[in-house]
Amino acid sequence: SATAGRYRADANSDSKEPEFAEATAIYGLNNTFTLYGGLLGSEDYYALGIGIGGTLGALGALSMDINRADTQFDNQHSFHGYQWRTQYIKDIPETNTNIAVSYYRYTNDGYFSFNEA
């Protein structure tokens, strides 16, 4: 899928409101594994992510992905960094419960999300 628009910052924020474009893709390899990825770009921010998710049957699901972001702040030098994420999810329909545990790892201080940039 693809989308484009203008980022709307929080009313209490001094953030810029840049135009952006985003594209994502999801591909099921089989009944167990799914590949996914995406791109996000604006004038001063670019990010690329790719990952894989899989079912653990009755135990839930597990996914792992990596994102790279390149950010330019108001005429300063560029920053770039990586974010690694591992996520476990388990639904328990009998009690209407959802368990989600995420672990994030950053390679350096140069990784910024789109709304931080």
N, C-alpha and C. Protein backbone atom coordinates (compact mmCIF):
# COMPACT_ATOMS: atom_id res chain seq x y z
N SER A 1 0.84 -1.18 0.00
CA SER A 1 0.00 0.00 0.00
C SER A 1 0.88 1.24 0.00
N ALA A 2 0.31 2.35 -0.35
CA ALA A 2 1.06 3.61 -0.39
C ALA A 2 0.16 4.75 0.08
N THR A 3 0.78 5.73 0.69
CA THR A 3 0.05 6.91 1.14
C THR A 3 0.98 8.12 1.12
N ALA A 4 0.40 9.29 1.05
CA ALA A 4 1.17 10.53 1.09
C ALA A 4 0.31 11.59 1.75
N GLY A 5 0.97 12.56 2.35
CA GLY A 5 0.21 13.62 3.01
C GLY A 5 1.11 14.59 3.73
N ARG A 6 0.54 15.27 4.71
CA ARG A 6 1.28 16.23 5.53
C ARG A 6 1.16 15.79 6.98
N TYR A 7 2.30 15.72 7.67
CA TYR A 7 2.32 15.33 9.08
C TYR A 7 1.70 16.44 9.92
N ARG A 8 0.78 16.07 10.78
CA ARG A 8 0.14 17.05 11.67
C ARG A 8 0.70 16.87 13.06
N ALA A 9 1.47 17.85 13.50
CA ALA A 9 2.10 17.80 14.82
C ALA A 9 1.06 18.06 15.90
N ASP A 10 1.38 17.64 17.10
CA ASP A 10 0.54 17.91 18.27
C ASP A 10 0.38 19.42 18.42
N ALA A 11 -0.79 19.87 18.82
CA ALA A 11 -1.07 21.30 18.96
C ALA A 11 -0.13 21.97 19.95
N ASN A 12 0.40 21.22 20.91
CA ASN A 12 1.30 21.78 21.93
C ASN A 12 2.76 21.67 21.53
N SER A 13 3.02 21.32 20.30
CA SER A 13 4.38 21.07 19.84
C SER A 13 4.84 22.15 18.88
N ASP A 14 6.15 22.39 18.88
CA ASP A 14 6.76 23.31 17.92
C ASP A 14 7.26 22.56 16.68
N SER A 15 6.85 21.32 16.53
CA SER A 15 7.33 20.48 15.43
C SER A 15 6.92 21.02 14.07
N LYS A 16 7.77 20.71 13.10
CA LYS A 16 7.44 21.02 11.71
C LYS A 16 6.31 20.11 11.26
N GLU A 17 5.67 20.46 10.16
CA GLU A 17 4.61 19.64 9.59
C GLU A 17 4.95 19.35 8.13
N PRO A 18 5.96 18.46 7.91
CA PRO A 18 6.43 18.21 6.54
C PRO A 18 5.48 17.31 5.75
N GLU A 19 5.58 17.43 4.43
CA GLU A 19 4.91 16.48 3.55
C GLU A 19 5.71 15.18 3.58
N PHE A 20 5.02 14.06 3.41
CA PHE A 20 5.70 12.77 3.46
C PHE A 20 5.02 11.79 2.50
N ALA A 21 5.74 10.72 2.21
CA ALA A 21 5.19 9.60 1.44
C ALA A 21 5.63 8.31 2.12
N GLU A 22 4.75 7.32 2.08
CA GLU A 22 5.03 6.05 2.75
C GLU A 22 4.52 4.90 1.88
N ALA A 23 5.27 3.81 1.86
CA ALA A 23 4.85 2.61 1.14
C ALA A 23 5.17 1.40 2.00
N THR A 24 4.26 0.44 2.05
CA THR A 24 4.47 -0.79 2.80
C THR A 24 4.09 -1.99 1.95
N ALA A 25 4.71 -3.12 2.26
CA ALA A 25 4.39 -4.36 1.56
C ALA A 25 4.43 -5.51 2.56
N ILE A 26 3.53 -6.46 2.37
CA ILE A 26 3.45 -7.65 3.21
C ILE A 26 3.31 -8.85 2.27
N TYR A 27 4.09 -9.90 2.52
CA TYR A 27 4.04 -11.08 1.66
C TYR A 27 4.08 -12.34 2.52
N GLY A 28 3.05 -13.14 2.44
CA GLY A 28 3.00 -14.40 3.16
C GLY A 28 3.80 -15.47 2.43
N LEU A 29 4.83 -15.96 3.08
CA LEU A 29 5.66 -17.00 2.46
C LEU A 29 4.93 -18.34 2.44
N ASN A 30 4.22 -18.62 3.52
CA ASN A 30 3.44 -19.85 3.66
C ASN A 30 2.45 -19.63 4.80
N ASN A 31 1.94 -20.67 5.39
CA ASN A 31 0.98 -20.51 6.49
C ASN A 31 1.65 -20.18 7.82
N THR A 32 2.98 -20.10 7.83
CA THR A 32 3.70 -19.86 9.08
C THR A 32 4.43 -18.52 9.09
N PHE A 33 5.07 -18.13 7.99
CA PHE A 33 5.93 -16.95 7.97
C PHE A 33 5.43 -15.87 7.02
N THR A 34 5.62 -14.62 7.42
CA THR A 34 5.26 -13.46 6.62
C THR A 34 6.42 -12.48 6.60
N LEU A 35 6.79 -12.00 5.42
CA LEU A 35 7.78 -10.93 5.27
C LEU A 35 7.05 -9.61 5.18
N TYR A 36 7.64 -8.55 5.73
CA TYR A 36 7.04 -7.23 5.62
C TYR A 36 8.13 -6.17 5.57
N GLY A 37 7.79 -5.03 5.00
CA GLY A 37 8.76 -3.95 4.91
C GLY A 37 8.08 -2.66 4.51
N GLY A 38 8.85 -1.58 4.59
CA GLY A 38 8.27 -0.30 4.24
C GLY A 38 9.31 0.79 4.10
N LEU A 39 8.89 1.88 3.47
CA LEU A 39 9.69 3.08 3.28
C LEU A 39 8.89 4.27 3.76
N LEU A 40 9.58 5.25 4.33
CA LEU A 40 8.95 6.51 4.73
C LEU A 40 9.92 7.61 4.38
N GLY A 41 9.45 8.63 3.67
CA GLY A 41 10.34 9.70 3.27
C GLY A 41 9.69 11.06 3.35
N SER A 42 10.49 12.05 3.71
CA SER A 42 10.09 13.45 3.67
C SER A 42 11.34 14.25 3.33
N GLU A 43 11.24 15.56 3.36
CA GLU A 43 12.37 16.39 2.96
C GLU A 43 13.63 16.12 3.78
N ASP A 44 13.48 15.95 5.09
CA ASP A 44 14.64 15.80 5.98
C ASP A 44 14.68 14.46 6.70
N TYR A 45 13.88 13.49 6.26
CA TYR A 45 13.82 12.21 6.96
C TYR A 45 13.54 11.08 5.98
N TYR A 46 14.31 10.01 6.11
CA TYR A 46 14.11 8.81 5.29
C TYR A 46 14.27 7.59 6.18
N ALA A 47 13.39 6.63 6.04
CA ALA A 47 13.48 5.40 6.82
C ALA A 47 13.12 4.20 5.96
N LEU A 48 13.77 3.10 6.24
CA LEU A 48 13.53 1.84 5.55
C LEU A 48 13.47 0.75 6.60
N GLY A 49 12.48 -0.12 6.51
CA GLY A 49 12.36 -1.22 7.46
C GLY A 49 12.01 -2.51 6.77
N ILE A 50 12.47 -3.62 7.36
CA ILE A 50 12.16 -4.95 6.84
C ILE A 50 12.10 -5.92 8.01
N GLY A 51 11.22 -6.90 7.90
CA GLY A 51 11.10 -7.85 8.99
C GLY A 51 10.42 -9.14 8.58
N ILE A 52 10.35 -10.05 9.54
CA ILE A 52 9.69 -11.33 9.35
C ILE A 52 8.89 -11.66 10.61
N GLY A 53 7.72 -12.21 10.40
CA GLY A 53 6.88 -12.63 11.52
C GLY A 53 6.42 -14.04 11.29
N GLY A 54 6.15 -14.73 12.38
CA GLY A 54 5.69 -16.11 12.24
C GLY A 54 4.82 -16.54 13.39
N THR A 55 3.98 -17.50 13.10
CA THR A 55 3.11 -18.05 14.13
C THR A 55 3.85 -19.11 14.94
N LEU A 56 3.52 -19.17 16.21
CA LEU A 56 4.02 -20.21 17.09
C LEU A 56 2.88 -21.16 17.48
N GLY A 57 1.85 -21.15 16.66
CA GLY A 57 0.68 -21.98 16.93
C GLY A 57 -0.07 -21.47 18.15
N ALA A 58 -0.42 -22.36 19.03
CA ALA A 58 -1.18 -21.99 20.23
C ALA A 58 -0.37 -21.11 21.18
N LEU A 59 0.95 -21.03 20.98
CA LEU A 59 1.80 -20.23 21.87
C LEU A 59 1.79 -18.74 21.51
N GLY A 60 1.29 -18.36 20.33
CA GLY A 60 1.25 -16.96 19.94
C GLY A 60 1.97 -16.71 18.64
N ALA A 61 2.61 -15.54 18.54
CA ALA A 61 3.35 -15.16 17.33
C ALA A 61 4.60 -14.38 17.72
N LEU A 62 5.61 -14.45 16.86
CA LEU A 62 6.88 -13.77 17.10
C LEU A 62 7.29 -13.04 15.83
N SER A 63 7.79 -11.82 15.98
CA SER A 63 8.30 -11.08 14.82
C SER A 63 9.61 -10.40 15.17
N MET A 64 10.43 -10.16 14.14
CA MET A 64 11.70 -9.46 14.28
C MET A 64 11.86 -8.54 13.08
N ASP A 65 12.30 -7.31 13.35
CA ASP A 65 12.52 -6.39 12.24
C ASP A 65 13.65 -5.43 12.55
N ILE A 66 14.12 -4.77 11.49
CA ILE A 66 15.16 -3.76 11.60
C ILE A 66 14.72 -2.55 10.79
N ASN A 67 14.99 -1.38 11.33
CA ASN A 67 14.68 -0.12 10.66
C ASN A 67 15.93 0.75 10.64
N ARG A 68 16.17 1.40 9.52
CA ARG A 68 17.25 2.38 9.41
C ARG A 68 16.60 3.72 9.13
N ALA A 69 17.06 4.76 9.84
CA ALA A 69 16.53 6.10 9.64
C ALA A 69 17.67 7.08 9.43
N ASP A 70 17.48 8.00 8.48
CA ASP A 70 18.41 9.10 8.21
C ASP A 70 17.67 10.40 8.45
N THR A 71 18.23 11.25 9.31
CA THR A 71 17.56 12.48 9.72
C THR A 71 18.48 13.67 9.56
N GLN A 72 17.94 14.79 9.09
CA GLN A 72 18.66 16.06 8.98
C GLN A 72 17.90 17.08 9.82
N PHE A 73 18.58 17.69 10.79
CA PHE A 73 17.95 18.70 11.64
C PHE A 73 18.41 20.09 11.24
N ASP A 74 17.51 20.95 10.81
CA ASP A 74 17.74 22.38 10.55
C ASP A 74 19.19 22.76 10.27
N ASN A 75 19.67 22.42 9.09
CA ASN A 75 21.01 22.79 8.62
C ASN A 75 22.15 22.21 9.45
N GLN A 76 21.88 21.22 10.26
CA GLN A 76 22.94 20.52 10.99
C GLN A 76 23.35 19.31 10.17
N HIS A 77 24.38 18.63 10.63
CA HIS A 77 24.79 17.43 9.90
C HIS A 77 23.75 16.33 10.06
N SER A 78 23.87 15.33 9.24
CA SER A 78 22.90 14.23 9.22
C SER A 78 23.17 13.23 10.34
N PHE A 79 22.10 12.60 10.77
CA PHE A 79 22.18 11.51 11.74
C PHE A 79 21.61 10.26 11.08
N HIS A 80 22.17 9.12 11.42
CA HIS A 80 21.57 7.87 10.97
C HIS A 80 21.75 6.82 12.05
N GLY A 81 20.82 5.91 12.10
CA GLY A 81 20.89 4.86 13.09
C GLY A 81 19.93 3.74 12.77
N TYR A 82 20.06 2.68 13.54
CA TYR A 82 19.24 1.49 13.34
C TYR A 82 18.46 1.17 14.60
N GLN A 83 17.28 0.62 14.39
CA GLN A 83 16.45 0.13 15.48
C GLN A 83 16.14 -1.34 15.19
N TRP A 84 16.43 -2.21 16.14
CA TRP A 84 16.07 -3.62 16.05
C TRP A 84 14.90 -3.85 16.99
N ARG A 85 13.92 -4.62 16.54
CA ARG A 85 12.77 -4.90 17.41
C ARG A 85 12.43 -6.38 17.33
N THR A 86 12.16 -6.95 18.49
CA THR A 86 11.62 -8.30 18.59
C THR A 86 10.31 -8.18 19.36
N GLN A 87 9.27 -8.84 18.86
CA GLN A 87 7.96 -8.70 19.49
C GLN A 87 7.27 -10.06 19.58
N TYR A 88 6.69 -10.31 20.75
CA TYR A 88 5.90 -11.52 20.99
C TYR A 88 4.47 -11.09 21.28
N ILE A 89 3.50 -11.78 20.67
CA ILE A 89 2.09 -11.46 20.87
C ILE A 89 1.31 -12.75 21.09
N LYS A 90 0.40 -12.70 22.05
CA LYS A 90 -0.47 -13.85 22.33
C LYS A 90 -1.86 -13.35 22.66
N ASP A 91 -2.86 -13.84 21.94
CA ASP A 91 -4.27 -13.54 22.22
C ASP A 91 -4.87 -14.70 23.00
N ILE A 92 -5.67 -14.36 24.01
CA ILE A 92 -6.41 -15.36 24.77
C ILE A 92 -7.88 -14.99 24.66
N PRO A 93 -8.57 -15.54 23.64
CA PRO A 93 -9.95 -15.14 23.37
C PRO A 93 -10.92 -15.42 24.52
N GLU A 94 -10.67 -16.48 25.28
CA GLU A 94 -11.58 -16.84 26.37
C GLU A 94 -11.72 -15.73 27.41
N THR A 95 -10.65 -14.98 27.61
CA THR A 95 -10.68 -13.90 28.61
C THR A 95 -10.57 -12.52 27.96
N ASN A 96 -10.62 -12.50 26.61
CA ASN A 96 -10.48 -11.24 25.86
C ASN A 96 -9.19 -10.51 26.26
N THR A 97 -8.10 -11.27 26.34
CA THR A 97 -6.81 -10.75 26.78
C THR A 97 -5.81 -10.77 25.63
N ASN A 98 -5.01 -9.73 25.53
CA ASN A 98 -3.95 -9.64 24.55
C ASN A 98 -2.65 -9.36 25.29
N ILE A 99 -1.65 -10.22 25.09
CA ILE A 99 -0.34 -10.03 25.70
C ILE A 99 0.62 -9.65 24.59
N ALA A 100 1.34 -8.55 24.79
CA ALA A 100 2.34 -8.10 23.82
C ALA A 100 3.60 -7.69 24.57
N VAL A 101 4.73 -8.26 24.17
CA VAL A 101 6.01 -7.93 24.78
C VAL A 101 6.95 -7.53 23.64
N SER A 102 7.55 -6.35 23.75
CA SER A 102 8.46 -5.86 22.71
C SER A 102 9.82 -5.55 23.32
N TYR A 103 10.87 -5.82 22.55
CA TYR A 103 12.23 -5.49 22.94
C TYR A 103 12.82 -4.64 21.82
N TYR A 104 13.32 -3.46 22.17
CA TYR A 104 13.93 -2.55 21.20
C TYR A 104 15.41 -2.41 21.51
N ARG A 105 16.21 -2.36 20.46
CA ARG A 105 17.65 -2.15 20.59
C ARG A 105 18.05 -1.12 19.55
N TYR A 106 18.81 -0.11 19.96
CA TYR A 106 19.26 0.95 19.06
C TYR A 106 20.77 0.85 18.93
N THR A 107 21.28 1.02 17.71
CA THR A 107 22.72 0.86 17.49
C THR A 107 23.51 2.06 17.99
N ASN A 108 22.88 3.23 18.02
CA ASN A 108 23.57 4.44 18.48
C ASN A 108 22.54 5.52 18.78
N ASP A 109 23.01 6.72 19.10
CA ASP A 109 22.11 7.84 19.38
C ASP A 109 21.58 8.50 18.12
N GLY A 110 21.91 7.98 16.94
CA GLY A 110 21.52 8.62 15.69
C GLY A 110 20.17 8.20 15.14
N TYR A 111 19.46 7.31 15.83
CA TYR A 111 18.16 6.87 15.33
C TYR A 111 17.06 7.77 15.89
N PHE A 112 16.25 8.32 14.99
CA PHE A 112 15.11 9.14 15.38
C PHE A 112 13.88 8.63 14.63
N SER A 113 12.74 8.61 15.31
CA SER A 113 11.49 8.28 14.63
C SER A 113 11.04 9.50 13.84
N PHE A 114 10.05 9.30 12.98
CA PHE A 114 9.58 10.41 12.13
C PHE A 114 9.04 11.57 12.96
N ASN A 115 8.27 11.29 14.00
CA ASN A 115 7.73 12.41 14.79
C ASN A 115 8.78 13.05 15.69
N GLU A 116 9.91 12.40 15.95
CA GLU A 116 11.01 13.04 16.67
C GLU A 116 11.81 13.96 15.76
N ALA A 117 11.82 13.64 14.47
CA ALA A 117 12.61 14.42 13.52
C ALA A 117 11.86 15.68 13.15
